[in-house]
Every structure is written in structure tokens, then in C-alpha cells.
């Protein structure tokens, strides 16, 4: 393990919960930001599909 000596400074019983807890907090913050700053994610999570609109221009030829 490349960083194995970190556990001589920080006990694993303290370091692992802090590491996993900080990862969980970051994940929740990212998901909250995505849900509040986009319009399509909330609709998708509620089961609504996006309206597909296409503009087709006839080619002359």
C-alpha cells in the first residue's frame, strides 16, 4: 500500500470514518447541486420523459 504509513499518525478508527463521512457529504452536496440547478433531472427522477422535438427542413434538390 502506497500510503500505509498514514495510519501511524492517524488511528484507523478515527481516520476511516472521517474519510468515508467526508466522501458521503461530498456526494450528497453534488447530488443536491445537480437537482437544484437543472430542470430535467427532477423531471427524470419523477418518471417524466423529455419531449423530443426535431426541426426538419426540406431540402431542395
C-alpha atoms as a PDB file:
ATOM      1  CA  UNK A   1       0.000   0.000   0.000  1.00  0.00           C
ATOM      2  CA  UNK A   2       1.450   3.305  -1.085  1.00  0.00           C
ATOM      3  CA  UNK A   3       0.089   5.416   1.793  1.00  0.00           C
ATOM      4  CA  UNK A   4       0.198   2.749   4.504  1.00  0.00           C
ATOM      5  CA  UNK A   5       2.226   4.844   6.936  1.00  0.00           C
ATOM      6  CA  UNK A   6      -0.620   7.363   7.364  1.00  0.00           C
ATOM      7  CA  UNK A   7      -2.083   5.005   9.976  1.00  0.00           C
ATOM      8  CA  UNK A   8       0.968   5.571  12.198  1.00  0.00           C
ATOM      9  CA  UNK A   9      -0.176   9.191  12.533  1.00  0.00           C
ATOM     10  CA  UNK A  10      -3.976   8.789  12.445  1.00  0.00           C
ATOM     11  CA  UNK A  11      -5.744   5.847  14.049  1.00  0.00           C
ATOM     12  CA  UNK A  12      -7.852   3.838  11.560  1.00  0.00           C
ATOM     13  CA  UNK A  13     -10.790   4.007  13.980  1.00  0.00           C
ATOM     14  CA  UNK A  14     -10.748   7.790  13.536  1.00  0.00           C
ATOM     15  CA  UNK A  15      -9.413   8.179  10.006  1.00  0.00           C
ATOM     16  CA  UNK A  16     -11.685   5.762   8.144  1.00  0.00           C
ATOM     17  CA  UNK A  17     -14.975   7.169   9.468  1.00  0.00           C
ATOM     18  CA  UNK A  18     -13.735  10.691   8.704  1.00  0.00           C
ATOM     19  CA  UNK A  19     -12.729   9.690   5.186  1.00  0.00           C
ATOM     20  CA  UNK A  20     -15.957   7.840   4.438  1.00  0.00           C
ATOM     21  CA  UNK A  21     -18.055  10.544   6.082  1.00  0.00           C
ATOM     22  CA  UNK A  22     -16.426  13.284   4.031  1.00  0.00           C
ATOM     23  CA  UNK A  23     -16.982  11.303   0.828  1.00  0.00           C
ATOM     24  CA  UNK A  24     -20.650  10.853   1.737  1.00  0.00           C
ATOM     25  CA  UNK A  25     -21.055  14.586   2.422  1.00  0.00           C
ATOM     26  CA  UNK A  26     -19.439  15.496  -0.903  1.00  0.00           C
ATOM     27  CA  UNK A  27     -21.685  13.044  -2.765  1.00  0.00           C
ATOM     28  CA  UNK A  28     -24.803  14.497  -1.139  1.00  0.00           C
ATOM     29  CA  UNK A  29     -23.715  18.055  -1.942  1.00  0.00           C
ATOM     30  CA  UNK A  30     -23.076  17.199  -5.589  1.00  0.00           C
ATOM     31  CA  UNK A  31     -26.444  15.475  -5.949  1.00  0.00           C
ATOM     32  CA  UNK A  32     -28.218  18.375  -4.273  1.00  0.00           C
ATOM     33  CA  UNK A  33     -26.493  20.843  -6.599  1.00  0.00           C
ATOM     34  CA  UNK A  34     -27.458  18.839  -9.678  1.00  0.00           C
ATOM     35  CA  UNK A  35     -31.081  18.579  -8.549  1.00  0.00           C
ATOM     36  CA  UNK A  36     -31.414  22.278  -7.771  1.00  0.00           C
ATOM     37  CA  UNK A  37     -29.520  23.697 -10.750  1.00  0.00           C
ATOM     38  CA  UNK A  38     -31.027  21.688 -13.593  1.00  0.00           C
ATOM     39  CA  UNK A  39     -34.564  21.427 -14.867  1.00  0.00           C
ATOM     40  CA  UNK A  40     -34.504  17.981 -16.418  1.00  0.00           C
ATOM     41  CA  UNK A  41     -33.130  15.856 -13.563  1.00  0.00           C
ATOM     42  CA  UNK A  42     -36.101  16.384 -11.255  1.00  0.00           C
ATOM     43  CA  UNK A  43     -38.496  15.562 -14.085  1.00  0.00           C
ATOM     44  CA  UNK A  44     -36.492  12.466 -14.957  1.00  0.00           C
ATOM     45  CA  UNK A  45     -36.449  11.276 -11.351  1.00  0.00           C
ATOM     46  CA  UNK A  46     -40.251  11.659 -11.231  1.00  0.00           C
ATOM     47  CA  UNK A  47     -40.657   9.472 -14.304  1.00  0.00           C
ATOM     48  CA  UNK A  48     -41.341  12.079 -16.925  1.00  0.00           C
ATOM     49  CA  UNK A  49     -39.656  11.780 -20.270  1.00  0.00           C
ATOM     50  CA  UNK A  50     -38.224  14.648 -22.217  1.00  0.00           C
ATOM     51  CA  UNK A  51     -40.189  15.922 -25.149  1.00  0.00           C
ATOM     52  CA  UNK A  52     -38.237  15.203 -28.279  1.00  0.00           C
ATOM     53  CA  UNK A  53     -38.543  17.966 -30.794  1.00  0.00           C
ATOM     54  CA  UNK A  54     -36.875  17.913 -34.100  1.00  0.00           C
ATOM     55  CA  UNK A  55     -36.806  20.526 -36.768  1.00  0.00           C
ATOM     56  CA  UNK A  56     -36.563  19.058 -40.211  1.00  0.00           C
ATOM     57  CA  UNK A  57     -36.127  21.403 -43.115  1.00  0.00           C
ATOM     58  CA  UNK A  58     -36.948  20.007 -46.533  1.00  0.00           C
ATOM     59  CA  UNK A  59     -34.023  20.033 -48.877  1.00  0.00           C
ATOM     60  CA  UNK A  60     -34.499  21.434 -52.335  1.00  0.00           C
ATOM     61  CA  UNK A  61     -32.928  19.370 -54.999  1.00  0.00           C
END
